[in-house]
Amino acid sequence: MKTKIQVQFMDKDVNVADIEKTVKEDLKSREVKINSLANLDVYYKPEDGSIYYVATTKDNKVYDVDDQPLHI
């Protein structure tokens, strides 16, 4: 089964997979290996297209977007 989840708000239509891809690309640019993560919590604010995340590695290092959210 293939699932596609869209977030629709006002005139915006964003695919959840694109949000996930944006976060993973940011983590990779910071040299964080995706398979080293224990948890990845992602938050999306559709009103302004902001993406926030908190990633925790298996050895308890924490990565987030600091004060600058990602945008989609």
PDB file of N, CA and C in Angstrom:
ATOM      1  N   MET A   1       0.845  -1.175   0.000  1.00  0.00           N
ATOM      2  CA  MET A   1       0.000   0.000   0.000  1.00  0.00           C
ATOM      3  C   MET A   1       0.890   1.238   0.000  1.00  0.00           C
ATOM      4  N   LYS A   2       0.542   2.192  -0.805  1.00  0.00           N
ATOM      5  CA  LYS A   2       1.267   3.443  -0.878  1.00  0.00           C
ATOM      6  C   LYS A   2       0.366   4.533  -0.294  1.00  0.00           C
ATOM      7  N   THR A   3       0.915   5.332   0.612  1.00  0.00           N
ATOM      8  CA  THR A   3       0.135   6.375   1.264  1.00  0.00           C
ATOM      9  C   THR A   3       0.724   7.739   0.946  1.00  0.00           C
ATOM     10  N   LYS A   4      -0.146   8.695   0.690  1.00  0.00           N
ATOM     11  CA  LYS A   4       0.271  10.077   0.451  1.00  0.00           C
ATOM     12  C   LYS A   4      -0.541  10.952   1.399  1.00  0.00           C
ATOM     13  N   ILE A   5       0.161  11.732   2.219  1.00  0.00           N
ATOM     14  CA  ILE A   5      -0.518  12.607   3.168  1.00  0.00           C
ATOM     15  C   ILE A   5      -0.205  14.049   2.810  1.00  0.00           C
ATOM     16  N   GLN A   6      -1.244  14.847   2.642  1.00  0.00           N
ATOM     17  CA  GLN A   6      -1.121  16.258   2.296  1.00  0.00           C
ATOM     18  C   GLN A   6      -1.628  17.111   3.458  1.00  0.00           C
ATOM     19  N   VAL A   7      -0.944  18.222   3.688  1.00  0.00           N
ATOM     20  CA  VAL A   7      -1.421  19.218   4.643  1.00  0.00           C
ATOM     21  C   VAL A   7      -1.936  20.387   3.824  1.00  0.00           C
ATOM     22  N   GLN A   8      -3.206  20.712   4.006  1.00  0.00           N
ATOM     23  CA  GLN A   8      -3.806  21.828   3.284  1.00  0.00           C
ATOM     24  C   GLN A   8      -4.209  22.904   4.274  1.00  0.00           C
ATOM     25  N   PHE A   9      -3.768  24.126   3.957  1.00  0.00           N
ATOM     26  CA  PHE A   9      -4.073  25.256   4.819  1.00  0.00           C
ATOM     27  C   PHE A   9      -4.124  26.496   3.952  1.00  0.00           C
ATOM     28  N   MET A  10      -5.245  27.166   4.004  1.00  0.00           N
ATOM     29  CA  MET A  10      -5.451  28.360   3.169  1.00  0.00           C
ATOM     30  C   MET A  10      -5.127  27.988   1.716  1.00  0.00           C
ATOM     31  N   ASP A  11      -4.173  28.655   1.100  1.00  0.00           N
ATOM     32  CA  ASP A  11      -3.849  28.383  -0.301  1.00  0.00           C
ATOM     33  C   ASP A  11      -2.623  27.482  -0.449  1.00  0.00           C
ATOM     34  N   LYS A  12      -2.188  26.839   0.641  1.00  0.00           N
ATOM     35  CA  LYS A  12      -1.007  25.984   0.602  1.00  0.00           C
ATOM     36  C   LYS A  12      -1.414  24.516   0.609  1.00  0.00           C
ATOM     37  N   ASP A  13      -0.635  23.728  -0.095  1.00  0.00           N
ATOM     38  CA  ASP A  13      -0.845  22.293  -0.172  1.00  0.00           C
ATOM     39  C   ASP A  13       0.532  21.642  -0.128  1.00  0.00           C
ATOM     40  N   VAL A  14       0.885  21.022   0.991  1.00  0.00           N
ATOM     41  CA  VAL A  14       2.222  20.486   1.185  1.00  0.00           C
ATOM     42  C   VAL A  14       2.145  18.991   1.471  1.00  0.00           C
ATOM     43  N   ASN A  15       2.990  18.245   0.788  1.00  0.00           N
ATOM     44  CA  ASN A  15       3.078  16.808   0.981  1.00  0.00           C
ATOM     45  C   ASN A  15       3.947  16.538   2.211  1.00  0.00           C
ATOM     46  N   VAL A  16       3.490  15.681   3.100  1.00  0.00           N
ATOM     47  CA  VAL A  16       4.226  15.358   4.318  1.00  0.00           C
ATOM     48  C   VAL A  16       5.593  14.742   3.973  1.00  0.00           C
ATOM     49  N   ALA A  17       5.675  13.997   2.898  1.00  0.00           N
ATOM     50  CA  ALA A  17       6.956  13.412   2.481  1.00  0.00           C
ATOM     51  C   ALA A  17       7.967  14.502   2.143  1.00  0.00           C
ATOM     52  N   ASP A  18       7.510  15.620   1.614  1.00  0.00           N
ATOM     53  CA  ASP A  18       8.414  16.729   1.308  1.00  0.00           C
ATOM     54  C   ASP A  18       8.939  17.384   2.585  1.00  0.00           C
ATOM     55  N   ILE A  19       8.117  17.438   3.614  1.00  0.00           N
ATOM     56  CA  ILE A  19       8.555  17.964   4.911  1.00  0.00           C
ATOM     57  C   ILE A  19       9.646  17.051   5.471  1.00  0.00           C
ATOM     58  N   GLU A  20       9.395  15.753   5.450  1.00  0.00           N
ATOM     59  CA  GLU A  20      10.372  14.781   5.947  1.00  0.00           C
ATOM     60  C   GLU A  20      11.677  14.866   5.161  1.00  0.00           C
ATOM     61  N   LYS A  21      11.578  14.976   3.851  1.00  0.00           N
ATOM     62  CA  LYS A  21      12.763  15.071   2.994  1.00  0.00           C
ATOM     63  C   LYS A  21      13.582  16.316   3.334  1.00  0.00           C
ATOM     64  N   THR A  22      12.922  17.442   3.563  1.00  0.00           N
ATOM     65  CA  THR A  22      13.599  18.687   3.905  1.00  0.00           C
ATOM     66  C   THR A  22      14.373  18.542   5.216  1.00  0.00           C
ATOM     67  N   VAL A  23      13.758  17.912   6.203  1.00  0.00           N
ATOM     68  CA  VAL A  23      14.418  17.708   7.490  1.00  0.00           C
ATOM     69  C   VAL A  23      15.626  16.780   7.332  1.00  0.00           C
ATOM     70  N   LYS A  24      15.457  15.685   6.632  1.00  0.00           N
ATOM     71  CA  LYS A  24      16.551  14.735   6.456  1.00  0.00           C
ATOM     72  C   LYS A  24      17.710  15.349   5.671  1.00  0.00           C
ATOM     73  N   GLU A  25      17.408  16.176   4.681  1.00  0.00           N
ATOM     74  CA  GLU A  25      18.464  16.864   3.937  1.00  0.00           C
ATOM     75  C   GLU A  25      19.229  17.820   4.850  1.00  0.00           C
ATOM     76  N   ASP A  26      18.527  18.501   5.745  1.00  0.00           N
ATOM     77  CA  ASP A  26      19.186  19.397   6.680  1.00  0.00           C
ATOM     78  C   ASP A  26      20.097  18.615   7.623  1.00  0.00           C
ATOM     79  N   LEU A  27      19.615  17.491   8.119  1.00  0.00           N
ATOM     80  CA  LEU A  27      20.442  16.667   8.998  1.00  0.00           C
ATOM     81  C   LEU A  27      21.683  16.147   8.266  1.00  0.00           C
ATOM     82  N   LYS A  28      21.508  15.700   7.030  1.00  0.00           N
ATOM     83  CA  LYS A  28      22.647  15.216   6.251  1.00  0.00           C
ATOM     84  C   LYS A  28      23.655  16.328   6.008  1.00  0.00           C
ATOM     85  N   SER A  29      23.190  17.552   5.784  1.00  0.00           N
ATOM     86  CA  SER A  29      24.105  18.675   5.570  1.00  0.00           C
ATOM     87  C   SER A  29      24.901  18.985   6.837  1.00  0.00           C
ATOM     88  N   ARG A  30      24.379  18.566   7.965  1.00  0.00           N
ATOM     89  CA  ARG A  30      25.070  18.727   9.252  1.00  0.00           C
ATOM     90  C   ARG A  30      25.869  17.480   9.612  1.00  0.00           C
ATOM     91  N   GLU A  31      25.985  16.566   8.623  1.00  0.00           N
ATOM     92  CA  GLU A  31      26.746  15.322   8.753  1.00  0.00           C
ATOM     93  C   GLU A  31      26.191  14.382   9.819  1.00  0.00           C
ATOM     94  N   VAL A  32      24.874  14.417   9.987  1.00  0.00           N
ATOM     95  CA  VAL A  32      24.195  13.484  10.882  1.00  0.00           C
ATOM     96  C   VAL A  32      23.678  12.337  10.024  1.00  0.00           C
ATOM     97  N   LYS A  33      24.065  11.127  10.365  1.00  0.00           N
ATOM     98  CA  LYS A  33      23.595   9.961   9.619  1.00  0.00           C
ATOM     99  C   LYS A  33      22.206   9.587  10.104  1.00  0.00           C
ATOM    100  N   ILE A  34      21.297   9.433   9.175  1.00  0.00           N
ATOM    101  CA  ILE A  34      19.899   9.149   9.499  1.00  0.00           C
ATOM    102  C   ILE A  34      19.775   7.847  10.301  1.00  0.00           C
ATOM    103  N   ASN A  35      20.585   6.851   9.969  1.00  0.00           N
ATOM    104  CA  ASN A  35      20.485   5.573  10.692  1.00  0.00           C
ATOM    105  C   ASN A  35      21.068   5.650  12.108  1.00  0.00           C
ATOM    106  N   SER A  36      21.668   6.804  12.473  1.00  0.00           N
ATOM    107  CA  SER A  36      22.170   6.972  13.841  1.00  0.00           C
ATOM    108  C   SER A  36      21.106   7.564  14.772  1.00  0.00           C
ATOM    109  N   LEU A  37      19.943   7.914  14.212  1.00  0.00           N
ATOM    110  CA  LEU A  37      18.902   8.561  15.004  1.00  0.00           C
ATOM    111  C   LEU A  37      18.064   7.552  15.789  1.00  0.00           C
ATOM    112  N   ALA A  38      17.790   7.922  17.018  1.00  0.00           N
ATOM    113  CA  ALA A  38      16.862   7.145  17.840  1.00  0.00           C
ATOM    114  C   ALA A  38      15.457   7.726  17.721  1.00  0.00           C
ATOM    115  N   ASN A  39      15.372   9.061  17.676  1.00  0.00           N
ATOM    116  CA  ASN A  39      14.083   9.752  17.563  1.00  0.00           C
ATOM    117  C   ASN A  39      14.213  10.957  16.646  1.00  0.00           C
ATOM    118  N   LEU A  40      13.140  11.216  15.916  1.00  0.00           N
ATOM    119  CA  LEU A  40      13.066  12.406  15.086  1.00  0.00           C
ATOM    120  C   LEU A  40      11.648  12.952  15.212  1.00  0.00           C
ATOM    121  N   ASP A  41      11.519  14.097  15.873  1.00  0.00           N
ATOM    122  CA  ASP A  41      10.222  14.752  16.044  1.00  0.00           C
ATOM    123  C   ASP A  41      10.185  15.962  15.131  1.00  0.00           C
ATOM    124  N   VAL A  42       9.162  16.024  14.282  1.00  0.00           N
ATOM    125  CA  VAL A  42       9.047  17.098  13.298  1.00  0.00           C
ATOM    126  C   VAL A  42       7.754  17.861  13.546  1.00  0.00           C
ATOM    127  N   TYR A  43       7.858  19.177  13.474  1.00  0.00           N
ATOM    128  CA  TYR A  43       6.704  20.061  13.686  1.00  0.00           C
ATOM    129  C   TYR A  43       6.597  20.990  12.486  1.00  0.00           C
ATOM    130  N   TYR A  44       5.403  21.111  11.940  1.00  0.00           N
ATOM    131  CA  TYR A  44       5.168  21.942  10.762  1.00  0.00           C
ATOM    132  C   TYR A  44       4.104  22.978  11.074  1.00  0.00           C
ATOM    133  N   LYS A  45       4.409  24.242  10.781  1.00  0.00           N
ATOM    134  CA  LYS A  45       3.439  25.322  10.959  1.00  0.00           C
ATOM    135  C   LYS A  45       2.953  25.749   9.574  1.00  0.00           C
ATOM    136  N   PRO A  46       1.780  25.300   9.168  1.00  0.00           N
ATOM    137  CA  PRO A  46       1.322  25.583   7.807  1.00  0.00           C
ATOM    138  C   PRO A  46       1.064  27.060   7.531  1.00  0.00           C
ATOM    139  N   GLU A  47       0.766  27.846   8.567  1.00  0.00           N
ATOM    140  CA  GLU A  47       0.458  29.255   8.319  1.00  0.00           C
ATOM    141  C   GLU A  47       1.641  30.024   7.742  1.00  0.00           C
ATOM    142  N   ASP A  48       2.869  29.603   8.055  1.00  0.00           N
ATOM    143  CA  ASP A  48       4.024  30.296   7.483  1.00  0.00           C
ATOM    144  C   ASP A  48       5.043  29.346   6.844  1.00  0.00           C
ATOM    145  N   GLY A  49       4.704  28.065   6.748  1.00  0.00           N
ATOM    146  CA  GLY A  49       5.572  27.101   6.086  1.00  0.00           C
ATOM    147  C   GLY A  49       6.824  26.753   6.868  1.00  0.00           C
ATOM    148  N   SER A  50       6.817  26.996   8.171  1.00  0.00           N
ATOM    149  CA  SER A  50       7.992  26.720   9.008  1.00  0.00           C
ATOM    150  C   SER A  50       8.043  25.259   9.436  1.00  0.00           C
ATOM    151  N   ILE A  51       9.252  24.714   9.434  1.00  0.00           N
ATOM    152  CA  ILE A  51       9.484  23.346   9.890  1.00  0.00           C
ATOM    153  C   ILE A  51      10.494  23.401  11.031  1.00  0.00           C
ATOM    154  N   TYR A  52      10.137  22.754  12.120  1.00  0.00           N
ATOM    155  CA  TYR A  52      11.029  22.622  13.266  1.00  0.00           C
ATOM    156  C   TYR A  52      11.226  21.139  13.520  1.00  0.00           C
ATOM    157  N   TYR A  53      12.376  20.781  14.065  1.00  0.00           N
ATOM    158  CA  TYR A  53      12.577  19.381  14.427  1.00  0.00           C
ATOM    159  C   TYR A  53      13.531  19.259  15.607  1.00  0.00           C
ATOM    160  N   VAL A  54      13.445  18.120  16.264  1.00  0.00           N
ATOM    161  CA  VAL A  54      14.388  17.726  17.302  1.00  0.00           C
ATOM    162  C   VAL A  54      14.771  16.286  16.975  1.00  0.00           C
ATOM    163  N   ALA A  55      16.055  16.089  16.731  1.00  0.00           N
ATOM    164  CA  ALA A  55      16.568  14.760  16.411  1.00  0.00           C
ATOM    165  C   ALA A  55      17.509  14.328  17.527  1.00  0.00           C
ATOM    166  N   THR A  56      17.309  13.119  18.016  1.00  0.00           N
ATOM    167  CA  THR A  56      18.166  12.569  19.059  1.00  0.00           C
ATOM    168  C   THR A  56      18.834  11.313  18.516  1.00  0.00           C
ATOM    169  N   THR A  57      20.151  11.268  18.618  1.00  0.00           N
ATOM    170  CA  THR A  57      20.883  10.100  18.141  1.00  0.00           C
ATOM    171  C   THR A  57      20.863   9.004  19.208  1.00  0.00           C
ATOM    172  N   LYS A  58      21.294   7.841  18.800  1.00  0.00           N
ATOM    173  CA  LYS A  58      21.326   6.700  19.717  1.00  0.00           C
ATOM    174  C   LYS A  58      22.293   6.928  20.871  1.00  0.00           C
ATOM    175  N   ASP A  59      23.278   7.814  20.668  1.00  0.00           N
ATOM    176  CA  ASP A  59      24.208   8.140  21.759  1.00  0.00           C
ATOM    177  C   ASP A  59      23.827   9.453  22.457  1.00  0.00           C
ATOM    178  N   ASN A  60      22.558   9.831  22.306  1.00  0.00           N
ATOM    179  CA  ASN A  60      21.928  10.959  23.020  1.00  0.00           C
ATOM    180  C   ASN A  60      22.412  12.360  22.636  1.00  0.00           C
ATOM    181  N   LYS A  61      22.953  12.526  21.442  1.00  0.00           N
ATOM    182  CA  LYS A  61      23.239  13.861  20.944  1.00  0.00           C
ATOM    183  C   LYS A  61      21.938  14.423  20.382  1.00  0.00           C
ATOM    184  N   VAL A  62      21.704  15.716  20.607  1.00  0.00           N
ATOM    185  CA  VAL A  62      20.453  16.338  20.170  1.00  0.00           C
ATOM    186  C   VAL A  62      20.755  17.387  19.111  1.00  0.00           C
ATOM    187  N   TYR A  63      19.984  17.345  18.034  1.00  0.00           N
ATOM    188  CA  TYR A  63      20.091  18.314  16.949  1.00  0.00           C
ATOM    189  C   TYR A  63      18.724  18.948  16.748  1.00  0.00           C
ATOM    190  N   ASP A  64      18.717  20.250  16.488  1.00  0.00           N
ATOM    191  CA  ASP A  64      17.463  20.932  16.168  1.00  0.00           C
ATOM    192  C   ASP A  64      17.764  22.073  15.213  1.00  0.00           C
ATOM    193  N   VAL A  65      16.761  22.883  14.910  1.00  0.00           N
ATOM    194  CA  VAL A  65      16.934  23.968  13.946  1.00  0.00           C
ATOM    195  C   VAL A  65      17.406  25.259  14.605  1.00  0.00           C
ATOM    196  N   ASP A  66      17.709  25.196  15.887  1.00  0.00           N
ATOM    197  CA  ASP A  66      18.130  26.394  16.629  1.00  0.00           C
ATOM    198  C   ASP A  66      17.034  27.459  16.523  1.00  0.00           C
ATOM    199  N   ASP A  67      17.394  28.650  16.157  1.00  0.00           N
ATOM    200  CA  ASP A  67      16.409  29.733  16.078  1.00  0.00           C
ATOM    201  C   ASP A  67      15.898  29.970  14.651  1.00  0.00           C
ATOM    202  N   GLN A  68      16.442  29.243  13.689  1.00  0.00           N
ATOM    203  CA  GLN A  68      16.061  29.438  12.302  1.00  0.00           C
ATOM    204  C   GLN A  68      15.323  28.218  11.772  1.00  0.00           C
ATOM    205  N   PRO A  69      14.008  28.283  11.646  1.00  0.00           N
ATOM    206  CA  PRO A  69      13.279  27.128  11.131  1.00  0.00           C
ATOM    207  C   PRO A  69      13.581  26.901   9.650  1.00  0.00           C
ATOM    208  N   LEU A  70      13.338  25.698   9.208  1.00  0.00           N
ATOM    209  CA  LEU A  70      13.410  25.383   7.787  1.00  0.00           C
ATOM    210  C   LEU A  70      12.104  25.854   7.160  1.00  0.00           C
ATOM    211  N   HIS A  71      12.101  26.018   5.849  1.00  0.00           N
ATOM    212  CA  HIS A  71      10.863  26.417   5.164  1.00  0.00           C
ATOM    213  C   HIS A  71      10.631  25.553   3.946  1.00  0.00           C
ATOM    214  N   ILE A  72       9.385  25.380   3.650  1.00  0.00           N
ATOM    215  CA  ILE A  72       8.997  24.597   2.473  1.00  0.00           C
ATOM    216  C   ILE A  72       7.971  25.395   1.679  1.00  0.00           C
TER     217      ILE A  72
END
